[in-house]
């Protein structure tokens, strides 16, 4: 495969299987993918334990029933305060460092906005019909259907709020995406294959 450096950013609706699709893409392309670990690196950079970020999330004004997926609701909490801004700045520096260092796939966290000036950049948005997302949450994430419906609404709202706050546009704004794809059309594996082919064609990879 060509050594040409490129960056893929992926924004996704909750329940659209964006994360597993990104993971499969990284395996097929032979590049790293980054998601939750960016937050953990930001915490280290600020000498904060990851539990401190969780504490911010705990005290966020928007709440749903506590469960293991709650972290997804608050990329770095929802408090628009000085600490969250510092966390975002640390995360921004980490994302830029990762993009400078090597080809990679970065999921969420305003990476499409942060890396907008990158030369070799492909910005993807993964979505799916609401009922398909509910089904995915129940079947793949083993969630109760009622909780799944609440979580979809809460996570979408929190991600949109976060992205608008720092990027100034919504994650599904087509002006800032090269590809928008319904993952229910081809499924996890098929969507990953389709997007990998698109990456290879765009960047002239062998």
N, C-alpha and C. Protein backbone atom coordinates (compact mmCIF):
# COMPACT_ATOMS: atom_id res chain seq x y z
N UNK A 1 0.83 -1.20 0.00
CA UNK A 1 0.00 0.00 0.00
C UNK A 1 0.87 1.26 0.00
N UNK A 2 0.39 2.28 -0.65
CA UNK A 2 1.13 3.54 -0.76
C UNK A 2 1.42 4.12 0.61
N UNK A 3 2.53 4.85 0.70
CA UNK A 3 2.92 5.46 1.98
C UNK A 3 2.33 6.87 2.13
N UNK A 4 1.55 7.31 1.16
CA UNK A 4 0.98 8.65 1.20
C UNK A 4 0.15 8.83 2.48
N UNK A 5 0.39 9.92 3.18
CA UNK A 5 -0.34 10.14 4.44
C UNK A 5 -1.71 10.77 4.16
N UNK A 6 -2.71 10.25 4.85
CA UNK A 6 -4.07 10.75 4.69
C UNK A 6 -4.81 10.62 6.02
N UNK A 7 -5.87 11.40 6.17
CA UNK A 7 -6.67 11.37 7.39
C UNK A 7 -8.13 11.16 7.02
N UNK A 8 -8.79 10.28 7.75
CA UNK A 8 -10.24 10.07 7.58
C UNK A 8 -10.90 10.45 8.90
N UNK A 9 -11.89 11.33 8.85
CA UNK A 9 -12.67 11.63 10.06
C UNK A 9 -14.07 11.05 9.89
N UNK A 10 -14.60 10.51 10.98
CA UNK A 10 -15.92 9.89 10.93
C UNK A 10 -16.80 10.46 12.04
N UNK A 11 -17.91 11.07 11.63
CA UNK A 11 -18.97 11.44 12.58
C UNK A 11 -20.10 10.46 12.36
N UNK A 12 -20.88 10.21 13.40
CA UNK A 12 -21.91 9.17 13.27
C UNK A 12 -23.06 9.40 14.23
N UNK A 13 -24.23 8.92 13.82
CA UNK A 13 -25.38 8.91 14.71
C UNK A 13 -25.21 7.75 15.68
N UNK A 14 -25.71 7.92 16.88
CA UNK A 14 -25.64 6.83 17.85
C UNK A 14 -26.51 5.67 17.35
N UNK A 15 -25.94 4.46 17.37
CA UNK A 15 -26.68 3.30 16.91
C UNK A 15 -26.53 3.02 15.43
N UNK A 16 -25.76 3.83 14.72
CA UNK A 16 -25.56 3.61 13.28
C UNK A 16 -24.39 2.66 13.01
N UNK A 17 -23.75 2.18 14.08
CA UNK A 17 -22.59 1.27 14.00
C UNK A 17 -21.35 1.96 13.44
N UNK A 18 -21.26 3.27 13.63
CA UNK A 18 -20.12 4.02 13.13
C UNK A 18 -18.79 3.57 13.71
N UNK A 19 -18.77 3.27 15.00
CA UNK A 19 -17.51 2.84 15.63
C UNK A 19 -17.02 1.50 15.08
N UNK A 20 -17.86 0.43 15.05
CA UNK A 20 -17.37 -0.82 14.47
C UNK A 20 -17.00 -0.70 12.99
N UNK A 21 -17.69 0.16 12.27
CA UNK A 21 -17.34 0.39 10.86
C UNK A 21 -15.95 1.03 10.78
N UNK A 22 -15.70 2.01 11.64
CA UNK A 22 -14.37 2.66 11.67
C UNK A 22 -13.28 1.66 12.03
N UNK A 23 -13.58 0.77 12.97
CA UNK A 23 -12.60 -0.25 13.37
C UNK A 23 -12.27 -1.19 12.21
N UNK A 24 -13.31 -1.61 11.48
CA UNK A 24 -13.09 -2.50 10.34
C UNK A 24 -12.31 -1.78 9.25
N UNK A 25 -12.60 -0.51 9.04
CA UNK A 25 -11.85 0.27 8.05
C UNK A 25 -10.38 0.35 8.41
N UNK A 26 -10.10 0.56 9.69
CA UNK A 26 -8.70 0.68 10.12
C UNK A 26 -7.96 -0.63 9.91
N UNK A 27 -8.64 -1.74 10.15
CA UNK A 27 -8.03 -3.06 9.93
C UNK A 27 -7.75 -3.28 8.45
N UNK A 28 -8.70 -2.94 7.60
CA UNK A 28 -8.57 -3.18 6.17
C UNK A 28 -7.54 -2.25 5.53
N UNK A 29 -7.42 -1.04 6.06
CA UNK A 29 -6.47 -0.06 5.51
C UNK A 29 -5.09 -0.16 6.18
N UNK A 30 -5.03 -0.84 7.32
CA UNK A 30 -3.76 -0.96 8.03
C UNK A 30 -3.31 0.33 8.68
N UNK A 31 -4.29 1.12 9.16
CA UNK A 31 -3.96 2.37 9.86
C UNK A 31 -4.63 2.36 11.23
N UNK A 32 -4.17 3.25 12.13
CA UNK A 32 -4.74 3.34 13.47
C UNK A 32 -6.09 4.05 13.42
N UNK A 33 -6.94 3.74 14.40
CA UNK A 33 -8.14 4.56 14.56
C UNK A 33 -8.23 5.01 16.01
N UNK A 34 -8.70 6.23 16.21
CA UNK A 34 -8.73 6.84 17.54
C UNK A 34 -10.14 7.31 17.87
N UNK A 35 -10.53 7.05 19.12
CA UNK A 35 -11.86 7.45 19.57
C UNK A 35 -11.79 7.88 21.04
N UNK A 36 -12.25 7.01 21.95
CA UNK A 36 -12.26 7.34 23.38
C UNK A 36 -10.86 7.63 23.92
N UNK A 37 -9.86 7.00 23.31
CA UNK A 37 -8.49 7.19 23.82
C UNK A 37 -8.01 8.63 23.69
N UNK A 38 -8.63 9.40 22.78
CA UNK A 38 -8.26 10.82 22.66
C UNK A 38 -8.61 11.55 23.96
N UNK A 39 -9.77 11.23 24.52
CA UNK A 39 -10.19 11.84 25.78
C UNK A 39 -9.22 11.46 26.89
N UNK A 40 -8.83 10.19 26.89
CA UNK A 40 -7.91 9.72 27.93
C UNK A 40 -6.55 10.41 27.83
N UNK A 41 -6.09 10.62 26.60
CA UNK A 41 -4.83 11.34 26.40
C UNK A 41 -4.96 12.79 26.85
N UNK A 42 -6.11 13.39 26.56
CA UNK A 42 -6.34 14.78 26.98
C UNK A 42 -6.29 14.88 28.50
N UNK A 43 -6.87 13.89 29.16
CA UNK A 43 -6.86 13.87 30.63
C UNK A 43 -5.44 13.80 31.16
N UNK A 44 -4.61 12.92 30.54
CA UNK A 44 -3.22 12.78 30.97
C UNK A 44 -2.47 14.10 30.78
N UNK A 45 -2.72 14.74 29.64
CA UNK A 45 -2.02 15.98 29.32
C UNK A 45 -2.32 17.07 30.35
N UNK A 46 -3.54 17.05 30.88
CA UNK A 46 -3.93 18.04 31.88
C UNK A 46 -3.69 17.54 33.30
N UNK A 47 -3.01 16.37 33.40
CA UNK A 47 -2.77 15.74 34.70
C UNK A 47 -4.07 15.50 35.47
N UNK A 48 -5.11 15.12 34.72
CA UNK A 48 -6.38 14.78 35.34
C UNK A 48 -6.63 13.29 35.15
N UNK A 49 -7.09 12.61 36.19
CA UNK A 49 -7.46 11.21 35.98
C UNK A 49 -8.71 11.17 35.10
N UNK A 50 -8.87 10.09 34.33
CA UNK A 50 -10.05 9.95 33.47
C UNK A 50 -11.31 10.03 34.33
N UNK A 51 -11.20 9.59 35.58
CA UNK A 51 -12.35 9.66 36.48
C UNK A 51 -12.83 11.11 36.67
N UNK A 52 -11.89 12.07 36.51
CA UNK A 52 -12.27 13.48 36.64
C UNK A 52 -13.19 13.88 35.49
N UNK A 53 -12.89 13.37 34.29
CA UNK A 53 -13.76 13.64 33.15
C UNK A 53 -15.13 13.03 33.40
N UNK A 54 -15.11 11.81 33.95
CA UNK A 54 -16.37 11.16 34.27
C UNK A 54 -17.16 11.96 35.30
N UNK A 55 -16.41 12.62 36.20
CA UNK A 55 -17.04 13.45 37.22
C UNK A 55 -17.75 14.63 36.57
N UNK A 56 -17.09 15.22 35.57
CA UNK A 56 -17.69 16.33 34.83
C UNK A 56 -18.97 15.83 34.15
N UNK A 57 -18.88 14.62 33.58
CA UNK A 57 -20.03 14.05 32.91
C UNK A 57 -21.17 13.80 33.90
N UNK A 58 -20.80 13.36 35.09
CA UNK A 58 -21.80 13.08 36.13
C UNK A 58 -22.59 14.34 36.46
N UNK A 59 -21.89 15.46 36.52
CA UNK A 59 -22.54 16.70 36.95
C UNK A 59 -23.18 17.46 35.81
N UNK A 60 -23.11 16.90 34.61
CA UNK A 60 -23.71 17.57 33.46
C UNK A 60 -25.21 17.73 33.68
N UNK A 61 -25.74 18.80 33.11
CA UNK A 61 -27.16 19.07 33.35
C UNK A 61 -28.08 18.07 32.66
N UNK A 62 -27.67 17.59 31.48
CA UNK A 62 -28.52 16.64 30.76
C UNK A 62 -28.25 15.25 31.29
N UNK A 63 -29.29 14.57 31.74
CA UNK A 63 -29.10 13.23 32.31
C UNK A 63 -30.11 12.24 31.74
N UNK A 64 -29.69 10.99 31.65
CA UNK A 64 -30.63 9.89 31.36
C UNK A 64 -30.35 8.83 32.41
N UNK A 65 -31.08 7.72 32.38
CA UNK A 65 -30.83 6.65 33.33
C UNK A 65 -29.37 6.21 33.23
N UNK A 66 -28.72 6.07 34.35
CA UNK A 66 -27.31 5.69 34.37
C UNK A 66 -27.13 4.28 33.80
N UNK A 67 -26.20 4.16 32.87
CA UNK A 67 -25.84 2.85 32.35
C UNK A 67 -24.45 2.93 31.73
N UNK A 68 -23.96 1.81 31.23
CA UNK A 68 -22.58 1.75 30.76
C UNK A 68 -22.34 2.56 29.49
N UNK A 69 -23.41 3.05 28.85
CA UNK A 69 -23.23 3.81 27.62
C UNK A 69 -23.27 5.32 27.88
N UNK A 70 -23.40 5.71 29.15
CA UNK A 70 -23.56 7.13 29.47
C UNK A 70 -22.40 7.98 28.96
N UNK A 71 -21.18 7.40 28.95
CA UNK A 71 -20.02 8.17 28.50
C UNK A 71 -20.21 8.71 27.09
N UNK A 72 -20.93 7.95 26.27
CA UNK A 72 -21.11 8.36 24.88
C UNK A 72 -21.92 9.65 24.79
N UNK A 73 -22.69 9.93 25.82
CA UNK A 73 -23.54 11.12 25.78
C UNK A 73 -22.75 12.40 25.89
N UNK A 74 -21.64 12.35 26.60
CA UNK A 74 -20.91 13.58 26.87
C UNK A 74 -19.46 13.42 26.44
N UNK A 75 -19.12 13.77 25.18
CA UNK A 75 -17.73 13.60 24.71
C UNK A 75 -16.71 14.17 25.70
N UNK A 76 -17.00 15.34 26.26
CA UNK A 76 -16.15 15.86 27.34
C UNK A 76 -17.01 16.59 28.35
N UNK A 77 -18.19 16.06 28.60
CA UNK A 77 -19.10 16.75 29.50
C UNK A 77 -19.92 17.76 28.74
N UNK A 78 -20.92 18.37 29.36
CA UNK A 78 -21.71 19.39 28.67
C UNK A 78 -21.57 20.76 29.35
N UNK A 79 -20.76 20.86 30.36
CA UNK A 79 -20.59 22.16 31.01
C UNK A 79 -19.71 23.06 30.15
N UNK A 80 -20.23 24.21 29.76
CA UNK A 80 -19.43 25.13 28.95
C UNK A 80 -18.59 25.99 29.89
N UNK A 81 -17.70 25.37 30.61
CA UNK A 81 -16.90 26.12 31.56
C UNK A 81 -15.43 26.05 31.18
N UNK A 82 -14.61 26.65 32.00
CA UNK A 82 -13.18 26.77 31.70
C UNK A 82 -12.51 25.41 31.59
N UNK A 83 -12.88 24.47 32.46
CA UNK A 83 -12.26 23.16 32.43
C UNK A 83 -12.58 22.43 31.13
N UNK A 84 -13.84 22.49 30.70
CA UNK A 84 -14.20 21.82 29.45
C UNK A 84 -13.45 22.43 28.28
N UNK A 85 -13.31 23.77 28.29
CA UNK A 85 -12.56 24.42 27.21
C UNK A 85 -11.10 23.97 27.20
N UNK A 86 -10.53 23.79 28.38
CA UNK A 86 -9.14 23.31 28.47
C UNK A 86 -9.05 21.88 27.95
N UNK A 87 -10.04 21.06 28.30
CA UNK A 87 -10.07 19.69 27.82
C UNK A 87 -10.18 19.66 26.29
N UNK A 88 -11.02 20.54 25.75
CA UNK A 88 -11.17 20.58 24.29
C UNK A 88 -9.86 21.00 23.63
N UNK A 89 -9.20 21.99 24.22
CA UNK A 89 -7.92 22.47 23.66
C UNK A 89 -6.87 21.36 23.69
N UNK A 90 -6.81 20.62 24.80
CA UNK A 90 -5.86 19.51 24.90
C UNK A 90 -6.18 18.45 23.86
N UNK A 91 -7.45 18.14 23.71
CA UNK A 91 -7.89 17.16 22.74
C UNK A 91 -7.57 17.63 21.31
N UNK A 92 -7.78 18.91 21.06
CA UNK A 92 -7.48 19.48 19.74
C UNK A 92 -5.99 19.30 19.40
N UNK A 93 -5.14 19.57 20.37
CA UNK A 93 -3.70 19.42 20.15
C UNK A 93 -3.33 17.96 19.88
N UNK A 94 -3.98 17.04 20.60
CA UNK A 94 -3.70 15.62 20.41
C UNK A 94 -4.14 15.17 19.03
N UNK A 95 -5.34 15.60 18.60
CA UNK A 95 -5.84 15.24 17.27
C UNK A 95 -4.91 15.76 16.18
N UNK A 96 -4.44 16.99 16.34
CA UNK A 96 -3.51 17.55 15.34
C UNK A 96 -2.18 16.79 15.33
N UNK A 97 -1.73 16.39 16.52
CA UNK A 97 -0.48 15.63 16.62
C UNK A 97 -0.63 14.28 15.93
N UNK A 98 -1.74 13.58 16.18
CA UNK A 98 -1.97 12.28 15.57
C UNK A 98 -2.04 12.39 14.05
N UNK A 99 -2.72 13.43 13.57
CA UNK A 99 -2.86 13.62 12.12
C UNK A 99 -1.54 13.98 11.47
N UNK A 100 -0.70 14.69 12.19
CA UNK A 100 0.61 15.08 11.67
C UNK A 100 1.53 13.87 11.59
N UNK A 101 1.38 12.94 12.52
CA UNK A 101 2.31 11.83 12.68
C UNK A 101 2.11 10.73 11.64
N UNK A 102 0.85 10.39 11.34
CA UNK A 102 0.62 9.22 10.49
C UNK A 102 -0.80 9.23 9.92
N UNK A 103 -1.01 8.39 8.90
CA UNK A 103 -2.36 8.18 8.38
C UNK A 103 -3.19 7.56 9.49
N UNK A 104 -4.43 7.99 9.62
CA UNK A 104 -5.28 7.43 10.67
C UNK A 104 -6.74 7.76 10.43
N UNK A 105 -7.60 7.09 11.20
CA UNK A 105 -9.03 7.36 11.20
C UNK A 105 -9.37 7.92 12.58
N UNK A 106 -10.03 9.07 12.62
CA UNK A 106 -10.40 9.68 13.89
C UNK A 106 -11.91 9.80 13.96
N UNK A 107 -12.48 9.27 15.03
CA UNK A 107 -13.93 9.23 15.19
C UNK A 107 -14.39 10.37 16.09
N UNK A 108 -15.27 11.21 15.54
CA UNK A 108 -15.94 12.25 16.34
C UNK A 108 -15.03 13.32 16.91
N UNK A 109 -15.49 13.92 18.00
CA UNK A 109 -14.75 14.93 18.76
C UNK A 109 -14.30 16.13 17.93
N UNK A 110 -15.19 16.53 16.99
CA UNK A 110 -14.94 17.71 16.15
C UNK A 110 -13.69 17.59 15.28
N UNK A 111 -13.25 16.35 15.03
CA UNK A 111 -12.03 16.17 14.22
C UNK A 111 -12.22 16.70 12.81
N UNK A 112 -13.46 16.66 12.27
CA UNK A 112 -13.70 17.20 10.93
C UNK A 112 -13.43 18.70 10.89
N UNK A 113 -13.76 19.37 11.98
CA UNK A 113 -13.52 20.82 12.10
C UNK A 113 -12.05 21.12 12.42
N UNK A 114 -11.49 20.39 13.36
CA UNK A 114 -10.12 20.62 13.81
C UNK A 114 -9.11 20.41 12.68
N UNK A 115 -9.40 19.43 11.81
CA UNK A 115 -8.45 19.08 10.74
C UNK A 115 -8.87 19.60 9.37
N UNK A 116 -9.77 20.58 9.35
CA UNK A 116 -10.33 21.08 8.08
C UNK A 116 -9.26 21.55 7.09
N UNK A 117 -8.10 22.00 7.58
CA UNK A 117 -7.06 22.51 6.69
C UNK A 117 -6.10 21.43 6.20
N UNK A 118 -6.30 20.19 6.62
CA UNK A 118 -5.44 19.09 6.16
C UNK A 118 -5.61 18.91 4.65
N UNK A 119 -4.50 18.67 3.97
CA UNK A 119 -4.55 18.50 2.51
C UNK A 119 -5.25 17.20 2.13
N UNK A 120 -4.82 16.09 2.69
CA UNK A 120 -5.38 14.78 2.35
C UNK A 120 -6.37 14.34 3.41
N UNK A 121 -7.58 14.88 3.31
CA UNK A 121 -8.62 14.66 4.32
C UNK A 121 -9.90 14.16 3.67
N UNK A 122 -10.51 13.14 4.25
CA UNK A 122 -11.81 12.66 3.81
C UNK A 122 -12.73 12.64 5.02
N UNK A 123 -13.82 13.41 4.95
CA UNK A 123 -14.75 13.54 6.08
C UNK A 123 -16.02 12.75 5.77
N UNK A 124 -16.35 11.82 6.67
CA UNK A 124 -17.47 10.90 6.47
C UNK A 124 -18.51 11.07 7.57
N UNK A 125 -19.77 10.95 7.19
CA UNK A 125 -20.86 10.94 8.17
C UNK A 125 -21.66 9.66 7.98
N UNK A 126 -21.81 8.88 9.06
CA UNK A 126 -22.54 7.61 9.00
C UNK A 126 -23.86 7.76 9.77
N UNK A 127 -24.94 7.42 9.09
CA UNK A 127 -26.25 7.52 9.71
C UNK A 127 -27.06 6.27 9.39
N UNK A 128 -28.26 6.16 9.95
CA UNK A 128 -29.15 5.05 9.66
C UNK A 128 -30.56 5.44 10.08
N UNK A 129 -31.58 4.82 9.49
CA UNK A 129 -32.95 5.11 9.91
C UNK A 129 -33.13 4.83 11.40
N UNK A 130 -34.00 5.61 12.02
CA UNK A 130 -34.20 5.52 13.47
C UNK A 130 -34.46 4.09 13.95
N UNK A 131 -35.41 3.39 13.33
CA UNK A 131 -35.75 2.04 13.79
C UNK A 131 -34.59 1.06 13.62
N UNK A 132 -33.77 1.25 12.59
CA UNK A 132 -32.58 0.42 12.41
C UNK A 132 -31.58 0.66 13.55
N UNK A 133 -31.49 1.91 13.96
CA UNK A 133 -30.58 2.25 15.05
C UNK A 133 -31.05 1.63 16.36
N UNK A 134 -32.36 1.66 16.59
CA UNK A 134 -32.91 1.01 17.78
C UNK A 134 -32.57 -0.47 17.76
N UNK A 135 -32.76 -1.10 16.59
CA UNK A 135 -32.47 -2.52 16.42
C UNK A 135 -31.00 -2.81 16.71
N UNK A 136 -30.11 -1.97 16.19
CA UNK A 136 -28.67 -2.14 16.42
C UNK A 136 -28.32 -2.04 17.90
N UNK A 137 -28.94 -1.10 18.58
CA UNK A 137 -28.68 -0.93 20.02
C UNK A 137 -29.11 -2.17 20.80
N UNK A 138 -30.24 -2.73 20.42
CA UNK A 138 -30.76 -3.91 21.11
C UNK A 138 -29.92 -5.14 20.78
N UNK A 139 -29.63 -5.34 19.49
CA UNK A 139 -28.92 -6.56 19.05
C UNK A 139 -27.41 -6.51 19.29
N UNK A 140 -26.79 -5.36 18.99
CA UNK A 140 -25.33 -5.27 19.07
C UNK A 140 -24.83 -4.75 20.41
N UNK A 141 -25.56 -3.81 21.00
CA UNK A 141 -25.12 -3.23 22.28
C UNK A 141 -25.87 -3.85 23.46
N UNK A 142 -26.78 -4.77 23.15
CA UNK A 142 -27.52 -5.50 24.20
C UNK A 142 -28.27 -4.56 25.14
N UNK A 143 -28.85 -3.52 24.57
CA UNK A 143 -29.60 -2.56 25.37
C UNK A 143 -31.09 -2.92 25.39
N UNK A 144 -31.76 -2.53 26.45
CA UNK A 144 -33.20 -2.62 26.52
C UNK A 144 -33.78 -1.63 25.51
N UNK A 145 -34.87 -1.98 24.84
CA UNK A 145 -35.39 -1.12 23.77
C UNK A 145 -35.79 0.27 24.27
N UNK A 146 -36.40 0.32 25.43
CA UNK A 146 -36.80 1.63 25.99
C UNK A 146 -35.56 2.49 26.26
N UNK A 147 -34.55 1.88 26.87
CA UNK A 147 -33.30 2.60 27.13
C UNK A 147 -32.64 3.02 25.83
N UNK A 148 -32.70 2.15 24.82
CA UNK A 148 -32.09 2.45 23.52
C UNK A 148 -32.71 3.70 22.91
N UNK A 149 -34.02 3.81 22.96
CA UNK A 149 -34.70 4.97 22.39
C UNK A 149 -34.33 6.25 23.14
N UNK A 150 -34.25 6.15 24.46
CA UNK A 150 -33.84 7.32 25.26
C UNK A 150 -32.40 7.70 24.95
N UNK A 151 -31.54 6.69 24.84
CA UNK A 151 -30.13 6.95 24.62
C UNK A 151 -29.88 7.56 23.24
N UNK A 152 -30.57 7.07 22.22
CA UNK A 152 -30.43 7.63 20.88
C UNK A 152 -30.75 9.11 20.89
N UNK A 153 -31.86 9.46 21.52
CA UNK A 153 -32.26 10.87 21.57
C UNK A 153 -31.24 11.70 22.35
N UNK A 154 -30.82 11.18 23.50
CA UNK A 154 -29.91 11.93 24.36
C UNK A 154 -28.51 12.09 23.74
N UNK A 155 -27.99 11.00 23.15
CA UNK A 155 -26.64 11.06 22.58
C UNK A 155 -26.62 11.97 21.35
N UNK A 156 -27.63 11.83 20.48
CA UNK A 156 -27.70 12.70 19.30
C UNK A 156 -27.72 14.17 19.71
N UNK A 157 -28.54 14.46 20.71
CA UNK A 157 -28.68 15.84 21.17
C UNK A 157 -27.36 16.35 21.76
N UNK A 158 -26.72 15.51 22.58
CA UNK A 158 -25.47 15.93 23.22
C UNK A 158 -24.36 16.12 22.19
N UNK A 159 -24.24 15.20 21.22
CA UNK A 159 -23.21 15.32 20.19
C UNK A 159 -23.43 16.55 19.32
N UNK A 160 -24.70 16.80 18.96
CA UNK A 160 -25.00 17.99 18.16
C UNK A 160 -24.66 19.26 18.91
N UNK A 161 -25.03 19.29 20.20
CA UNK A 161 -24.77 20.45 21.05
C UNK A 161 -23.27 20.71 21.16
N UNK A 162 -22.52 19.65 21.40
CA UNK A 162 -21.06 19.74 21.56
C UNK A 162 -20.39 20.21 20.27
N UNK A 163 -20.80 19.61 19.15
CA UNK A 163 -20.21 19.94 17.85
C UNK A 163 -20.53 21.38 17.46
N UNK A 164 -21.76 21.79 17.68
CA UNK A 164 -22.16 23.16 17.36
C UNK A 164 -21.41 24.17 18.24
N UNK A 165 -21.21 23.80 19.51
CA UNK A 165 -20.53 24.71 20.44
C UNK A 165 -19.10 25.00 20.01
N UNK A 166 -18.37 23.96 19.59
CA UNK A 166 -16.96 24.15 19.26
C UNK A 166 -16.68 24.34 17.77
N UNK A 167 -17.47 23.68 16.91
CA UNK A 167 -17.20 23.77 15.47
C UNK A 167 -18.05 24.84 14.78
N UNK A 168 -19.22 25.12 15.37
CA UNK A 168 -20.09 26.13 14.77
C UNK A 168 -21.01 25.56 13.70
N UNK A 169 -21.02 24.24 13.56
CA UNK A 169 -21.95 23.59 12.62
C UNK A 169 -22.26 22.19 13.14
N UNK A 170 -23.34 21.61 12.67
CA UNK A 170 -23.75 20.28 13.12
C UNK A 170 -22.91 19.20 12.45
N UNK A 171 -22.74 18.05 13.10
CA UNK A 171 -21.90 16.99 12.51
C UNK A 171 -22.44 16.44 11.20
N UNK A 172 -23.75 16.61 10.94
CA UNK A 172 -24.31 16.09 9.68
C UNK A 172 -24.48 17.18 8.61
N UNK A 173 -23.79 18.30 8.78
CA UNK A 173 -23.85 19.39 7.79
C UNK A 173 -23.10 18.97 6.53
N UNK A 174 -23.82 18.80 5.43
CA UNK A 174 -23.22 18.26 4.21
C UNK A 174 -22.17 19.18 3.59
N UNK A 175 -22.16 20.43 3.99
CA UNK A 175 -21.12 21.34 3.47
C UNK A 175 -19.72 20.93 3.94
N UNK A 176 -19.68 20.18 5.04
CA UNK A 176 -18.39 19.81 5.63
C UNK A 176 -18.14 18.30 5.59
N UNK A 177 -18.80 17.62 4.66
CA UNK A 177 -18.61 16.18 4.51
C UNK A 177 -18.44 15.84 3.04
N UNK A 178 -17.55 14.87 2.76
CA UNK A 178 -17.41 14.39 1.39
C UNK A 178 -18.30 13.18 1.14
N UNK A 179 -18.54 12.38 2.19
CA UNK A 179 -19.38 11.19 2.06
C UNK A 179 -20.37 11.13 3.22
N UNK A 180 -21.64 10.89 2.89
CA UNK A 180 -22.67 10.63 3.90
C UNK A 180 -23.33 9.33 3.50
N UNK A 181 -23.33 8.34 4.40
CA UNK A 181 -23.81 7.01 4.03
C UNK A 181 -24.72 6.38 5.08
N UNK A 182 -25.79 5.74 4.60
CA UNK A 182 -26.72 5.02 5.44
C UNK A 182 -26.15 3.62 5.66
N UNK A 183 -25.73 3.33 6.88
CA UNK A 183 -25.06 2.05 7.16
C UNK A 183 -26.01 0.85 7.07
N UNK A 184 -27.32 1.11 7.11
CA UNK A 184 -28.26 -0.01 7.03
C UNK A 184 -28.34 -0.58 5.61
N UNK A 185 -27.85 0.16 4.64
CA UNK A 185 -27.90 -0.29 3.25
C UNK A 185 -26.99 -1.49 3.02
N UNK A 186 -25.76 -1.43 3.57
CA UNK A 186 -24.77 -2.49 3.33
C UNK A 186 -24.32 -3.21 4.59
N UNK A 187 -24.74 -2.74 5.76
CA UNK A 187 -24.31 -3.38 7.00
C UNK A 187 -22.88 -2.97 7.38
N UNK A 188 -22.41 -3.45 8.52
CA UNK A 188 -21.09 -3.05 9.02
C UNK A 188 -19.98 -3.39 8.03
N UNK A 189 -19.91 -4.65 7.63
CA UNK A 189 -18.82 -5.10 6.76
C UNK A 189 -18.91 -4.45 5.38
N UNK A 190 -20.11 -4.42 4.81
CA UNK A 190 -20.29 -3.84 3.49
C UNK A 190 -20.00 -2.35 3.46
N UNK A 191 -20.43 -1.64 4.51
CA UNK A 191 -20.18 -0.20 4.58
C UNK A 191 -18.68 0.06 4.72
N UNK A 192 -18.01 -0.74 5.55
CA UNK A 192 -16.56 -0.61 5.71
C UNK A 192 -15.85 -0.84 4.37
N UNK A 193 -16.25 -1.88 3.64
CA UNK A 193 -15.65 -2.17 2.34
C UNK A 193 -15.86 -1.00 1.37
N UNK A 194 -17.07 -0.49 1.33
CA UNK A 194 -17.43 0.62 0.44
C UNK A 194 -16.57 1.85 0.74
N UNK A 195 -16.43 2.16 2.03
CA UNK A 195 -15.67 3.34 2.43
C UNK A 195 -14.17 3.15 2.23
N UNK A 196 -13.69 1.92 2.45
CA UNK A 196 -12.27 1.64 2.20
C UNK A 196 -11.95 1.84 0.72
N UNK A 197 -12.84 1.37 -0.16
CA UNK A 197 -12.64 1.57 -1.61
C UNK A 197 -12.61 3.07 -1.94
N UNK A 198 -13.49 3.84 -1.29
CA UNK A 198 -13.54 5.28 -1.53
C UNK A 198 -12.24 5.95 -1.08
N UNK A 199 -11.73 5.53 0.09
CA UNK A 199 -10.46 6.07 0.61
C UNK A 199 -9.33 5.77 -0.37
N UNK A 200 -9.27 4.53 -0.85
CA UNK A 200 -8.20 4.12 -1.77
C UNK A 200 -8.28 4.92 -3.08
N UNK A 201 -9.49 5.12 -3.58
CA UNK A 201 -9.65 5.87 -4.83
C UNK A 201 -9.29 7.33 -4.66
N UNK A 202 -9.75 7.91 -3.55
CA UNK A 202 -9.49 9.36 -3.33
C UNK A 202 -8.01 9.66 -3.18
N UNK A 203 -7.32 8.79 -2.44
CA UNK A 203 -5.90 9.07 -2.16
C UNK A 203 -4.93 8.28 -3.03
N UNK A 204 -5.45 7.58 -4.03
CA UNK A 204 -4.59 6.86 -4.96
C UNK A 204 -3.75 5.79 -4.29
N UNK A 205 -4.37 5.05 -3.36
CA UNK A 205 -3.66 4.00 -2.65
C UNK A 205 -3.70 2.71 -3.48
N UNK A 206 -2.64 1.93 -3.38
CA UNK A 206 -2.56 0.69 -4.16
C UNK A 206 -3.28 -0.45 -3.44
